[in-house]
Amino acid sequence: MAKDKPPKTKGVPNKHLHSRSTFLYQAATYLTLHAAALDANEAPDSAQSSGTTGSRHRLALQLASDLQNVSRKGQVRLSSELKRTICKTCNTVLIPGRTATQTIENESKGGKKSWADVLVVMCTLCGSKKRFPIGAQRQEKKSERQPTQAQRSLSEKSAEEPTSIASPMQMTTDQDSTPG
């Protein structure tokens, strides 16, 4: 007699890893924003508040590093939007205007090609840059693409032609061997 299998649970596998990674990201973002706001508001002669700001910033870096480690160790893929907001070099949460600067570059023939725009995000802490294409549409996967008219006509022509074509060497030897 067959054993009864337990019912499959619906939902996200490794839910605890997803919840942990979202918490780490939210905490790192909060501490980065809070530390940046304190940096902007503090007076230059107050040494006590700068110590707490530095510790908040170090804690934010540690949390972002822990986020990377949790996702690697648990083999959980982070979303591309989340990965774009974390510096690969120093693990800073990249917030435009606070910890990162954003510029748009177009180095194509004097900027004439509008689809060649590139968003450059530079980390203000370590100076590393991330480049993301904008304006260009991503090509579909090969399995999802429809063949173009030129590809269809080529495949039809190749189907009509004979499969064995004699080489010029074979043709000359055939002609030489025929009685004449």
Protein backbone atom coordinates (compact mmCIF):
# COMPACT_ATOMS: atom_id res chain seq x y z
CA MET A 1 0.00 0.00 0.00
CA ALA A 2 1.37 3.44 -0.93
CA LYS A 3 2.28 5.86 1.79
CA ASP A 4 0.40 9.09 1.98
CA LYS A 5 2.59 12.02 1.04
CA PRO A 6 2.34 15.19 3.10
CA PRO A 7 0.62 18.03 1.25
CA LYS A 8 2.95 20.46 -0.49
CA THR A 9 3.16 23.82 1.18
CA LYS A 10 2.41 26.81 -0.98
CA GLY A 11 4.43 29.94 -0.75
CA VAL A 12 7.99 31.11 -1.03
CA PRO A 13 10.76 28.59 -0.35
CA ASN A 14 13.29 29.85 2.20
CA LYS A 15 10.88 32.51 3.38
CA HIS A 16 12.98 33.13 6.47
CA LEU A 17 15.97 34.06 4.28
CA HIS A 18 13.86 36.47 2.23
CA SER A 19 12.48 38.15 5.33
CA ARG A 20 15.96 38.40 6.84
CA SER A 21 17.40 39.94 3.67
CA THR A 22 14.58 42.50 3.42
CA PHE A 23 15.08 43.45 7.07
CA LEU A 24 18.84 43.88 6.57
CA TYR A 25 18.27 46.05 3.50
CA GLN A 26 15.67 48.22 5.23
CA ALA A 27 17.87 48.66 8.30
CA ALA A 28 20.94 49.54 6.20
CA THR A 29 18.92 52.06 4.19
CA TYR A 30 17.46 53.63 7.32
CA LEU A 31 20.84 53.96 9.01
CA THR A 32 22.43 55.37 5.86
CA LEU A 33 19.69 57.99 5.50
CA HIS A 34 19.80 58.83 9.19
CA ALA A 35 23.60 59.13 9.27
CA ALA A 36 23.58 61.31 6.14
CA ALA A 37 20.90 63.57 7.63
CA LEU A 38 22.92 63.97 10.84
CA ASP A 39 26.04 64.79 8.81
CA ALA A 40 24.20 67.57 7.03
CA ASN A 41 22.69 69.04 10.21
CA GLU A 42 25.58 68.78 12.65
CA ALA A 43 27.82 71.67 13.54
CA PRO A 44 31.52 71.31 12.70
CA ASP A 45 32.65 71.68 16.34
CA SER A 46 30.42 68.98 17.87
CA ALA A 47 32.63 65.91 18.29
CA GLN A 48 30.11 63.84 20.24
CA SER A 49 27.52 63.54 17.45
CA SER A 50 30.17 62.71 14.82
CA GLY A 51 31.08 59.56 16.78
CA THR A 52 27.51 58.30 16.64
CA THR A 53 27.25 59.20 12.96
CA GLY A 54 30.38 57.22 12.17
CA SER A 55 29.12 54.22 14.13
CA ARG A 56 25.77 54.38 12.32
CA HIS A 57 27.54 54.49 8.99
CA ARG A 58 29.77 51.53 9.93
CA LEU A 59 26.71 49.60 11.10
CA ALA A 60 24.94 50.35 7.81
CA LEU A 61 27.97 49.03 5.91
CA GLN A 62 28.02 45.90 8.07
CA LEU A 63 24.30 45.27 7.51
CA ALA A 64 24.70 45.61 3.73
CA SER A 65 27.65 43.21 3.87
CA ASP A 66 25.56 40.76 5.91
CA LEU A 67 22.81 41.06 3.29
CA GLN A 68 25.25 39.99 0.57
CA ASN A 69 26.53 37.10 2.70
CA VAL A 70 23.01 35.85 3.56
CA SER A 71 21.98 35.85 -0.07
CA ARG A 72 25.14 34.02 -1.15
CA LYS A 73 25.11 31.43 1.62
CA GLY A 74 21.39 30.73 1.36
CA GLN A 75 21.51 30.82 -2.46
CA VAL A 76 18.74 33.41 -2.58
CA ARG A 77 18.72 35.69 -5.59
CA LEU A 78 18.40 39.36 -4.83
CA SER A 79 16.29 41.41 -7.20
CA SER A 80 18.14 43.49 -9.77
CA GLU A 81 16.64 46.71 -8.35
CA LEU A 82 18.02 45.86 -4.92
CA LYS A 83 21.45 44.92 -6.30
CA ARG A 84 21.63 48.19 -8.18
CA THR A 85 21.31 50.14 -4.94
CA ILE A 86 24.28 48.50 -3.21
CA CYS A 87 27.89 49.32 -4.07
CA LYS A 88 29.83 46.17 -4.96
CA THR A 89 33.11 47.61 -3.70
CA CYS A 90 32.29 49.03 -0.26
CA ASN A 91 28.71 47.73 0.39
CA THR A 92 27.28 51.23 0.81
CA VAL A 93 23.58 51.67 0.14
CA LEU A 94 23.56 53.99 -2.89
CA ILE A 95 21.10 56.82 -2.34
CA PRO A 96 21.15 59.50 -5.06
CA GLY A 97 22.23 62.86 -3.65
CA ARG A 98 23.41 61.36 -0.34
CA THR A 99 25.83 58.51 -0.97
CA ALA A 100 25.82 58.43 -4.78
CA THR A 101 25.79 60.74 -7.76
CA GLN A 102 23.92 59.94 -10.96
CA THR A 103 24.81 61.20 -14.42
CA ILE A 104 23.69 60.26 -17.91
CA GLU A 105 26.39 59.75 -20.52
CA ASN A 106 26.12 59.24 -24.25
CA GLU A 107 29.44 58.72 -25.99
CA SER A 108 27.98 57.73 -29.35
CA LYS A 109 29.03 60.07 -32.19
CA GLY A 110 28.48 63.21 -30.17
CA GLY A 111 25.36 61.93 -28.41
CA LYS A 112 23.35 61.52 -31.60
CA LYS A 113 22.11 58.02 -30.76
CA SER A 114 19.40 58.45 -28.15
CA TRP A 115 19.23 54.70 -27.49
CA ALA A 116 22.88 54.69 -26.37
CA ASP A 117 22.26 56.62 -23.14
CA VAL A 118 23.99 55.15 -20.09
CA LEU A 119 23.15 55.93 -16.47
CA VAL A 120 26.36 56.17 -14.42
CA VAL A 121 25.97 55.82 -10.64
CA MET A 122 29.12 56.77 -8.72
CA CYS A 123 29.59 55.90 -5.05
CA THR A 124 30.79 58.97 -3.15
CA LEU A 125 32.48 56.83 -0.49
CA CYS A 126 34.80 54.69 -2.64
CA GLY A 127 34.46 56.29 -6.09
CA SER A 128 33.43 53.11 -7.93
CA LYS A 129 31.01 53.42 -10.82
CA LYS A 130 28.08 51.33 -12.01
CA ARG A 131 26.82 51.73 -15.56
CA PHE A 132 23.29 50.85 -16.66
CA PRO A 133 21.92 51.21 -20.21
CA ILE A 134 18.75 53.26 -20.46
CA GLY A 135 16.58 53.98 -23.45
CA ALA A 136 17.51 50.76 -25.25
CA GLN A 137 15.01 47.93 -25.15
CA ARG A 138 16.36 44.61 -24.02
CA GLN A 139 16.38 41.90 -26.68
CA GLU A 140 14.05 38.96 -26.15
CA LYS A 141 15.44 35.55 -25.31
CA LYS A 142 16.27 33.49 -28.36
CA SER A 143 13.59 30.93 -27.56
CA GLU A 144 10.93 33.66 -27.41
CA ARG A 145 11.93 35.50 -30.60
CA GLN A 146 9.97 35.19 -33.81
CA PRO A 147 12.12 34.51 -36.88
CA THR A 148 12.48 37.51 -39.16
CA GLN A 149 11.38 37.48 -42.79
CA ALA A 150 14.99 37.22 -44.02
CA GLN A 151 15.66 34.22 -41.74
CA ARG A 152 12.47 32.51 -42.96
CA SER A 153 13.39 33.00 -46.64
CA LEU A 154 16.90 31.65 -46.01
CA SER A 155 15.55 28.56 -44.30
CA GLU A 156 13.08 28.00 -47.17
CA LYS A 157 15.86 28.30 -49.79
CA SER A 158 18.08 25.86 -47.92
CA ALA A 159 15.19 23.39 -47.76
CA GLU A 160 14.66 23.61 -51.54
CA GLU A 161 18.32 23.06 -52.49
CA PRO A 162 19.68 19.50 -52.78
CA THR A 163 21.58 18.26 -49.80
CA SER A 164 24.60 16.85 -51.67
CA ILE A 165 26.45 19.27 -53.87
CA ALA A 166 29.40 18.03 -55.89
CA SER A 167 32.62 19.91 -55.42
CA PRO A 168 34.48 21.27 -58.46
CA MET A 169 37.18 18.62 -58.02
CA GLN A 170 34.61 15.84 -58.21
CA MET A 171 33.09 17.37 -61.33
CA THR A 172 36.42 17.49 -63.18
CA THR A 173 37.29 13.92 -62.25
CA ASP A 174 33.86 12.79 -63.43
CA GLN A 175 34.35 14.53 -66.77
CA ASP A 176 37.85 13.10 -67.24
CA SER A 177 36.72 9.55 -66.60
CA THR A 178 33.84 9.63 -69.09
CA PRO A 179 34.65 8.14 -72.48
CA GLY A 180 34.70 10.71 -75.15
